[in-house]
Protein backbone atom coordinates (compact mmCIF):
# COMPACT_ATOMS: atom_id res chain seq x y z
CA MET A 1 11.49 -4.34 -36.50
CA THR A 2 10.78 -4.57 -32.97
CA THR A 3 9.82 -8.30 -31.73
CA ILE A 4 6.83 -8.58 -29.68
CA HIS A 5 6.60 -10.53 -26.63
CA GLY A 6 3.61 -12.04 -24.79
CA GLU A 7 0.30 -13.19 -25.26
CA VAL A 8 -3.54 -11.46 -26.12
CA ALA A 9 -6.28 -13.65 -26.03
CA ALA A 10 -8.33 -14.52 -28.75
CA GLY A 11 -10.77 -11.56 -29.63
CA PHE A 12 -7.72 -8.89 -28.47
CA GLU A 13 -5.62 -9.32 -31.78
CA PRO A 14 -6.31 -5.51 -32.61
CA VAL A 15 -4.43 -4.65 -29.55
CA ARG A 16 -0.99 -6.85 -30.01
CA GLU A 17 -1.46 -4.25 -33.70
CA ALA A 18 -1.97 -1.32 -31.99
CA PHE A 19 0.88 -2.28 -29.61
CA ALA A 20 3.35 -3.33 -32.83
CA ALA A 21 2.27 0.12 -34.66
CA ASN A 22 3.35 2.19 -31.69
CA PHE A 23 7.06 1.44 -32.32
CA ALA A 24 7.25 1.39 -35.81
CA ARG A 25 5.15 4.17 -36.00
CA HIS A 26 4.65 5.99 -33.04
CA GLY A 27 7.89 6.46 -30.95
CA ASP A 28 7.65 3.66 -28.70
CA ILE A 29 11.65 2.50 -27.50
CA GLY A 30 10.54 -0.17 -24.96
CA ALA A 31 7.27 -0.37 -23.48
CA ALA A 32 4.36 -3.14 -22.34
CA VAL A 33 0.80 -3.26 -22.32
CA CYS A 34 -1.88 -5.03 -20.54
CA VAL A 35 -5.26 -5.44 -20.13
CA TYR A 36 -7.69 -7.60 -17.45
CA ARG A 37 -11.09 -8.29 -18.43
CA ASP A 38 -13.46 -9.52 -15.41
CA GLY A 39 -10.37 -10.25 -13.23
CA ARG A 40 -8.46 -12.15 -15.88
CA PRO A 41 -5.88 -11.06 -17.84
CA VAL A 42 -6.58 -11.58 -22.13
CA VAL A 43 -3.51 -9.12 -22.93
CA ASP A 44 0.41 -9.09 -21.46
CA LEU A 45 2.45 -7.37 -24.53
CA TRP A 46 6.28 -6.82 -23.87
CA GLY A 47 8.93 -5.41 -26.36
CA GLY A 48 11.67 -3.21 -27.84
CA VAL A 49 15.04 -2.05 -24.91
CA SER A 50 15.03 -0.77 -21.48
CA ASP A 51 18.34 0.85 -21.82
CA ARG A 52 19.68 2.17 -25.49
CA ASP A 53 22.97 2.89 -23.65
CA THR A 54 23.56 -0.89 -22.97
CA GLY A 55 21.00 -2.46 -25.19
CA ARG A 56 19.56 -4.03 -22.58
CA PRO A 57 16.15 -5.47 -23.35
CA TRP A 58 13.03 -4.94 -22.38
CA ALA A 59 11.74 -8.00 -20.68
CA ARG A 60 8.71 -9.57 -18.50
CA ASP A 61 9.35 -7.95 -15.77
CA THR A 62 10.93 -4.92 -16.15
CA LEU A 63 10.04 -1.78 -14.03
CA GLN A 64 8.67 1.37 -15.84
CA LEU A 65 8.54 4.96 -13.62
CA VAL A 66 5.03 5.97 -14.96
CA TYR A 67 5.26 9.33 -13.43
CA SER A 68 1.45 10.88 -12.17
CA ALA A 69 -0.11 6.93 -12.83
CA THR A 70 1.00 6.58 -9.57
CA LYS A 71 -1.37 9.35 -8.31
CA GLY A 72 -3.85 5.96 -9.28
CA ALA A 73 -2.31 3.84 -6.99
CA THR A 74 -1.94 6.55 -3.83
CA ALA A 75 -6.11 7.55 -3.99
CA THR A 76 -6.05 3.58 -3.96
CA ALA A 77 -4.64 3.50 -0.52
CA ALA A 78 -6.48 6.78 1.02
CA HIS A 79 -9.78 5.14 0.10
CA LEU A 80 -8.88 1.64 1.39
CA LEU A 81 -8.45 3.91 5.18
CA VAL A 82 -12.00 5.53 4.30
CA GLN A 83 -13.42 1.91 3.70
CA ARG A 84 -11.73 0.60 7.30
CA GLY A 85 -13.65 3.54 9.10
CA LEU A 86 -10.15 5.27 9.83
CA LEU A 87 -10.35 8.32 7.42
CA ASP A 88 -13.18 10.85 6.63
CA LEU A 89 -12.83 12.29 3.86
CA ASP A 90 -15.05 15.22 4.60
CA ALA A 91 -13.49 15.55 8.04
CA PRO A 92 -10.86 18.85 8.02
CA VAL A 93 -7.28 17.54 7.13
CA ALA A 94 -6.18 19.07 10.56
CA LYS A 95 -8.18 16.21 12.36
CA TYR A 96 -5.54 14.06 10.83
CA TRP A 97 -2.37 16.39 10.64
CA PRO A 98 -2.49 19.70 13.22
CA GLU A 99 0.14 21.75 12.06
CA PHE A 100 -1.84 21.93 8.54
CA ALA A 101 -4.45 24.10 10.19
CA ALA A 102 -1.82 27.38 9.05
CA ASN A 103 -2.59 30.07 7.53
CA GLY A 104 -6.61 29.70 7.62
CA LYS A 105 -6.56 25.55 6.48
CA ALA A 106 -7.94 24.55 9.39
CA ASP A 107 -11.26 23.63 8.07
CA LEU A 108 -10.05 22.36 4.68
CA PRO A 109 -11.23 18.83 3.73
CA VAL A 110 -9.04 15.70 2.69
CA ARG A 111 -11.86 15.36 -0.04
CA TRP A 112 -10.03 18.80 -1.61
CA LEU A 113 -6.59 17.56 -1.18
CA LEU A 114 -7.29 14.35 -2.87
CA ALA A 115 -9.36 15.98 -5.85
CA HIS A 116 -6.75 19.47 -6.22
CA GLN A 117 -9.23 22.03 -4.58
CA ALA A 118 -7.10 22.91 -2.08
CA GLY A 119 -5.27 25.93 -3.69
CA LEU A 120 -1.74 24.26 -2.38
CA VAL A 121 -0.17 23.69 -5.97
CA ALA A 122 3.07 25.97 -5.09
CA LEU A 123 5.29 26.95 -2.59
CA ASP A 124 6.41 30.75 -1.69
CA ARG A 125 9.92 28.97 -1.01
CA PRO A 126 10.81 26.47 -2.73
CA VAL A 127 12.04 23.32 -0.62
CA PRO A 128 15.55 21.54 -1.60
CA LEU A 129 15.51 18.74 -3.84
CA ALA A 130 17.35 16.89 -0.69
CA GLU A 131 15.25 17.86 1.67
CA ALA A 132 11.94 17.29 -0.50
CA LEU A 133 13.01 13.70 -0.76
CA ALA A 134 13.52 13.60 2.80
CA TRP A 135 9.80 13.83 3.10
CA GLU A 136 9.41 16.07 6.98
CA PRO A 137 10.93 19.23 5.06
CA MET A 138 8.14 19.18 2.72
CA VAL A 139 5.36 18.48 4.50
CA ALA A 140 6.27 21.25 7.18
CA ALA A 141 6.13 23.59 4.57
CA LEU A 142 2.71 22.82 3.06
CA ALA A 143 1.48 22.62 6.51
CA ALA A 144 2.82 26.26 6.62
CA GLN A 145 1.65 27.87 3.68
CA ARG A 146 -1.19 29.93 2.80
CA PRO A 147 -3.60 28.48 -0.03
CA LEU A 148 -2.89 30.48 -3.70
CA TRP A 149 -6.72 30.43 -3.72
CA MET A 150 -9.72 30.17 -1.81
CA PRO A 151 -9.77 26.42 -0.98
CA GLY A 152 -13.36 24.78 -2.76
CA THR A 153 -13.84 27.42 -4.85
CA ALA A 154 -11.54 26.27 -8.13
CA HIS A 155 -9.75 23.03 -9.08
CA GLY A 156 -5.67 23.02 -10.42
CA TYR A 157 -3.24 19.84 -10.93
CA HIS A 158 -1.60 19.82 -7.88
CA GLY A 159 1.00 17.75 -9.90
CA ARG A 160 4.16 17.48 -6.90
CA THR A 161 2.38 18.96 -4.21
CA TRP A 162 0.29 16.29 -3.90
CA SER A 163 3.01 13.84 -2.90
CA TRP A 164 3.06 14.99 0.06
CA LEU A 165 -0.54 16.24 0.82
CA VAL A 166 -2.06 13.14 0.54
CA GLY A 167 1.09 11.01 1.45
CA GLU A 168 0.88 12.80 4.34
CA VAL A 169 -2.15 12.04 5.45
CA ILE A 170 -2.34 8.33 4.88
CA ARG A 171 1.02 8.38 6.68
CA ARG A 172 -0.80 10.38 10.15
CA VAL A 173 -3.75 7.55 9.94
CA SER A 174 -2.12 4.74 9.03
CA GLY A 175 1.06 5.10 11.37
CA ARG A 176 2.81 4.00 8.11
CA THR A 177 4.57 5.63 4.97
CA PRO A 178 2.07 5.70 2.20
CA GLY A 179 4.89 3.94 0.22
CA ARG A 180 4.81 0.69 2.75
CA PHE A 181 1.39 1.17 3.47
CA PHE A 182 0.63 0.28 -0.17
CA ALA A 183 3.60 -2.27 -0.06
CA GLU A 184 1.78 -3.96 2.72
CA GLU A 185 -1.82 -3.79 2.06
CA ILE A 186 -2.31 -3.67 -1.86
CA ALA A 187 0.49 -5.04 -3.37
CA ALA A 188 1.34 -7.70 -1.68
CA PRO A 189 -2.36 -9.24 -1.36
CA LEU A 190 -2.60 -9.12 -5.40
CA GLY A 191 1.79 -10.12 -5.70
CA LEU A 192 1.83 -6.40 -7.85
CA ASP A 193 5.15 -5.31 -9.42
CA PHE A 194 4.63 -1.89 -8.10
CA PHE A 195 6.73 0.50 -6.02
CA ILE A 196 6.65 4.12 -4.59
CA GLY A 197 9.96 4.00 -2.84
CA LEU A 198 12.12 1.46 -5.19
CA PRO A 199 14.19 -1.24 -2.64
CA SER A 200 17.77 -0.97 -3.94
CA SER A 201 17.55 -4.45 -5.00
CA GLU A 202 15.09 -4.06 -7.40
CA ARG A 203 17.02 -1.01 -9.22
CA LYS A 204 18.64 -3.51 -11.98
CA ARG A 205 15.29 -4.03 -13.39
CA VAL A 206 14.49 -0.43 -14.11
CA SER A 207 14.24 0.50 -17.79
CA ARG A 208 15.73 3.97 -18.33
CA MET A 209 13.67 6.74 -19.73
CA GLU A 210 14.54 8.97 -22.53
CA TYR A 211 12.67 12.52 -23.42
CA LYS A 212 11.75 13.66 -26.81
CA GLN A 213 12.13 17.55 -27.10
CA PRO A 214 9.44 19.36 -29.01
CA GLU A 215 10.07 19.83 -32.53
CA VAL A 216 8.60 23.71 -31.95
CA ASP A 217 9.55 25.75 -28.58
CA LEU A 218 5.94 27.65 -28.60
CA THR A 219 7.66 29.71 -25.61
CA ALA A 220 10.29 31.17 -28.03
CA ALA A 221 8.03 32.10 -31.13
CA PRO A 222 6.62 35.15 -32.17
CA PRO A 223 3.38 35.85 -30.48
CA GLU A 224 1.60 36.69 -33.51
CA SER A 225 2.50 32.78 -35.05
CA ILE A 226 0.88 31.14 -31.80
CA PRO A 227 -2.45 30.06 -32.51
CA ASP A 228 -5.72 31.66 -30.80
CA GLU A 229 -6.34 28.57 -28.96
CA LEU A 230 -2.89 27.94 -27.21
CA ARG A 231 -2.19 31.38 -26.41
CA GLU A 232 -3.33 31.43 -23.10
CA MET A 233 -1.59 28.11 -22.48
CA VAL A 234 1.42 29.57 -24.03
CA ASP A 235 1.42 33.07 -22.24
CA ALA A 236 1.46 30.72 -18.92
CA TRP A 237 4.58 29.07 -20.02
CA ARG A 238 6.00 31.98 -20.67
CA ASP A 239 5.62 33.62 -17.03
CA PRO A 240 7.53 32.29 -14.54
CA ASN A 241 4.88 33.02 -11.70
CA SER A 242 2.07 31.47 -13.47
CA PHE A 243 0.48 28.47 -11.61
CA SER A 244 1.37 26.19 -14.51
CA ASN A 245 5.31 27.07 -14.17
CA ARG A 246 5.09 27.15 -9.82
CA ALA A 247 2.82 24.00 -9.71
CA PHE A 248 6.26 21.92 -11.11
CA ALA A 249 8.48 24.38 -9.42
CA VAL A 250 8.24 23.34 -5.41
CA THR A 251 11.74 21.87 -5.60
CA ASP A 252 15.45 23.53 -5.79
CA PRO A 253 16.19 22.64 -8.29
CA ALA A 254 12.69 22.20 -9.65
CA GLU A 255 13.62 19.78 -12.44
CA ILE A 256 14.34 16.35 -10.86
CA ASP A 257 16.00 13.29 -12.84
CA PHE A 258 13.44 10.52 -12.08
CA ASN A 259 16.36 8.58 -13.21
CA SER A 260 18.36 8.76 -10.47
CA PRO A 261 18.54 6.19 -7.79
CA GLU A 262 17.92 9.32 -5.32
CA VAL A 263 14.90 10.09 -6.84
CA GLN A 264 13.67 6.47 -7.68
CA ALA A 265 14.28 5.53 -3.64
CA ALA A 266 12.46 8.17 -2.03
CA GLU A 267 8.35 8.20 -1.59
CA LEU A 268 6.94 10.44 -4.16
CA PRO A 269 3.51 9.16 -3.98
CA ALA A 270 2.69 11.72 -6.63
CA SER A 271 4.91 10.77 -9.28
CA ASN A 272 7.74 7.82 -8.82
CA GLY A 273 5.80 4.71 -8.70
CA ILE A 274 8.11 2.10 -10.53
CA GLY A 275 6.16 -0.87 -11.86
CA THR A 276 4.79 -2.85 -14.90
CA ALA A 277 1.87 -2.71 -17.18
CA ARG A 278 0.55 -6.08 -15.25
CA GLY A 279 0.76 -4.38 -11.87
CA LEU A 280 -0.80 -1.62 -12.91
CA ALA A 281 -3.70 -3.31 -15.06
CA ARG A 282 -4.41 -6.08 -11.81
CA MET A 283 -4.71 -3.17 -9.05
CA TYR A 284 -7.58 -1.56 -11.16
CA ALA A 285 -8.67 -4.86 -11.93
CA ALA A 286 -9.14 -5.44 -8.40
CA LEU A 287 -10.89 -2.42 -7.37
CA ILE A 288 -13.78 -3.28 -9.73
CA GLY A 289 -13.99 -7.09 -9.33
CA ASP A 290 -12.36 -10.53 -7.78
CA VAL A 291 -8.95 -10.85 -9.10
CA ASP A 292 -7.91 -14.58 -7.49
CA GLY A 293 -9.67 -13.91 -4.45
CA VAL A 294 -9.01 -10.20 -3.70
CA ARG A 295 -11.35 -7.70 -4.02
CA LEU A 296 -9.98 -3.88 -2.97
CA PHE A 297 -13.03 -1.72 -3.00
CA THR A 298 -16.57 -2.72 -1.85
CA PRO A 299 -19.26 -1.71 -4.85
CA GLY A 300 -19.80 1.04 -1.89
CA THR A 301 -16.43 2.16 -1.72
CA LEU A 302 -15.68 1.81 -5.99
CA ALA A 303 -19.26 4.41 -6.33
CA LEU A 304 -17.92 7.03 -3.61
CA ALA A 305 -14.41 6.81 -4.69
CA THR A 306 -14.95 7.57 -8.62
CA ALA A 307 -17.99 10.18 -7.94
CA GLU A 308 -17.03 13.69 -9.72
CA GLN A 309 -15.60 16.24 -7.50
CA VAL A 310 -14.61 18.97 -9.88
CA SER A 311 -14.72 19.54 -13.73
CA GLY A 312 -14.33 22.74 -15.88
CA VAL A 313 -10.48 24.82 -16.67
CA ASP A 314 -7.95 23.46 -14.66
CA GLN A 315 -6.09 26.51 -12.90
CA VAL A 316 -2.74 24.79 -13.88
CA MET A 317 -3.22 23.04 -17.03
CA LEU A 318 -5.37 25.36 -18.30
CA VAL A 319 -7.70 22.72 -19.96
CA PRO A 320 -10.75 21.13 -19.51
CA SER A 321 -10.36 18.37 -16.41
CA ARG A 322 -12.29 16.01 -14.14
CA PHE A 323 -11.79 14.23 -10.89
CA SER A 324 -12.79 12.21 -8.42
CA SER A 325 -11.54 12.29 -5.37
CA GLY A 326 -8.29 11.16 -6.41
CA TYR A 327 -8.60 9.88 -9.91
CA MET A 328 -8.76 11.49 -13.24
CA LEU A 329 -12.64 11.05 -14.84
CA PRO A 330 -12.54 10.62 -18.72
CA THR A 331 -12.48 14.34 -20.94
CA GLU A 332 -12.47 14.31 -24.61
CA THR A 333 -9.01 14.60 -24.38
CA ASN A 334 -7.66 11.57 -22.20
CA ALA A 335 -7.84 7.85 -23.55
CA MET A 336 -10.14 5.98 -21.43
CA ALA A 337 -12.72 3.22 -22.49
CA GLY A 338 -16.23 4.88 -21.15
CA PRO A 339 -17.67 7.17 -19.26
CA LYS A 340 -17.76 5.32 -16.26
CA SER A 341 -13.76 4.66 -16.29
CA PHE A 342 -11.45 5.91 -13.87
CA GLY A 343 -7.89 6.18 -13.63
CA HIS A 344 -4.51 8.39 -14.02
CA THR A 345 -2.51 9.42 -16.31
CA GLY A 346 0.96 9.92 -16.26
CA ARG A 347 3.39 12.53 -18.21
CA GLY A 348 4.55 11.37 -21.32
CA GLY A 349 2.29 8.82 -22.10
CA SER A 350 1.90 5.84 -19.23
CA LEU A 351 -1.87 5.17 -18.62
CA GLY A 352 -3.62 3.11 -15.78
CA PHE A 353 -7.20 2.53 -15.92
CA ALA A 354 -10.44 0.58 -14.96
CA ASP A 355 -14.09 0.62 -16.70
CA PRO A 356 -16.33 -1.10 -14.35
CA GLU A 357 -18.86 -1.12 -17.30
CA HIS A 358 -17.03 -3.41 -19.46
CA GLY A 359 -14.75 -4.96 -16.18
CA ILE A 360 -11.66 -3.75 -18.31
CA ALA A 361 -8.64 -2.99 -16.39
CA PHE A 362 -5.73 -1.24 -18.36
CA GLY A 363 -2.01 -0.60 -17.32
CA TYR A 364 0.41 1.18 -20.10
CA VAL A 365 3.67 1.64 -19.44
CA MET A 366 7.08 2.70 -21.80
CA ASN A 367 10.39 4.74 -21.38
CA HIS A 368 9.94 7.36 -24.36
CA VAL A 369 8.84 10.01 -22.84
CA ILE A 370 6.73 12.25 -25.57
CA GLY A 371 3.14 14.20 -24.38
CA GLY A 372 1.20 16.60 -25.93
CA PRO A 373 -0.78 16.17 -28.95
CA ASP A 374 1.58 13.96 -30.96
CA ASP A 375 1.88 11.61 -28.70
CA VAL A 376 -1.39 8.86 -29.84
CA ARG A 377 0.30 5.56 -28.21
CA ALA A 378 -1.89 5.39 -25.33
CA ALA A 379 -5.04 6.48 -27.17
CA SER A 380 -4.45 3.86 -29.93
CA LEU A 381 -4.09 0.88 -27.47
CA VAL A 382 -7.23 2.01 -25.68
CA GLU A 383 -9.20 2.44 -28.76
CA ALA A 384 -8.23 -1.45 -29.85
CA VAL A 385 -9.46 -2.38 -26.69
CA ARG A 386 -12.35 -1.00 -27.83
CA LYS A 387 -12.76 -2.11 -30.96
CA SER A 388 -11.40 -5.32 -29.54
CA LEU A 389 -15.05 -5.23 -26.98
CA ALA A 390 -17.44 -4.40 -30.05
């Protein structure tokens, strides 16, 4: 039986119970969850092991890579620049990044990058991984790339390219890399344990991810055995030229080892943020209110940053999705606390979000990457938060 460490405030005991159940029944190996309410922590729990090969236990300060939950941190950086009058979401990207105007993109607004409307989910020619990690070659490739659909007419999850698209705008406007801007303007004032581009000094604290293989490979199953509701998605997975595959094959090789020191040290502001559940929850708490004297967004910025920009069937994920300018918004299938929530999930289970209606901010990080409909860990924790608020 996994020992659960940490504290919960009175009334939030259901979250501890759900967290323990994730280890007992739902596959957690090492994980942490944190909840803030009205700017103060009410749940701060951790448990399990951070590396099964060595037996290293998960500690209070264990760091975890959170995949696309990083996008919420990067969106926050972009909106801080908007709040300071340095970035106009309705201005053309080319105003800040002139090379981006190539191939018919001269009038494409910044807002469409953040909301996955740019049609730049993939590249005609993938960039060698080492060059992508070095930043500039990928930036040049995206500046030259033609959109794969007419920008603004549809949305599709820019799972990988979002790193360089949004990150380069932040760099051009602020004069700092997105990881450095986040560190200096967001992490430092709040004392966050969260990094986009891991310093070598922090490497020893990072938990090692493990990946659960699906029990059934639908791409190899006979067509007649595929349920009707999954047929379009499975067909896309089988097609190497589909957006669903190409969006995650923008580097050569396409598969990236996110456990590697080189990948963790690079700045990939869409996908390699590394931090604690506490860091995620504290950041979101500071977006909707005061946290120890720090508030990141004014009420006006919060309203603009979280207003819906797109909804409907996603051209990449092939399921309904909703986005503001950078944040995911609630749907029937993503776990957030209420209709006014905003945040971002990460591959395999991680989640950070805020719910201004209830004053709630939430962070969950874990090292067992599961994903898919069988992964109920984040949803069960969020449901326990709802139960605690009832």
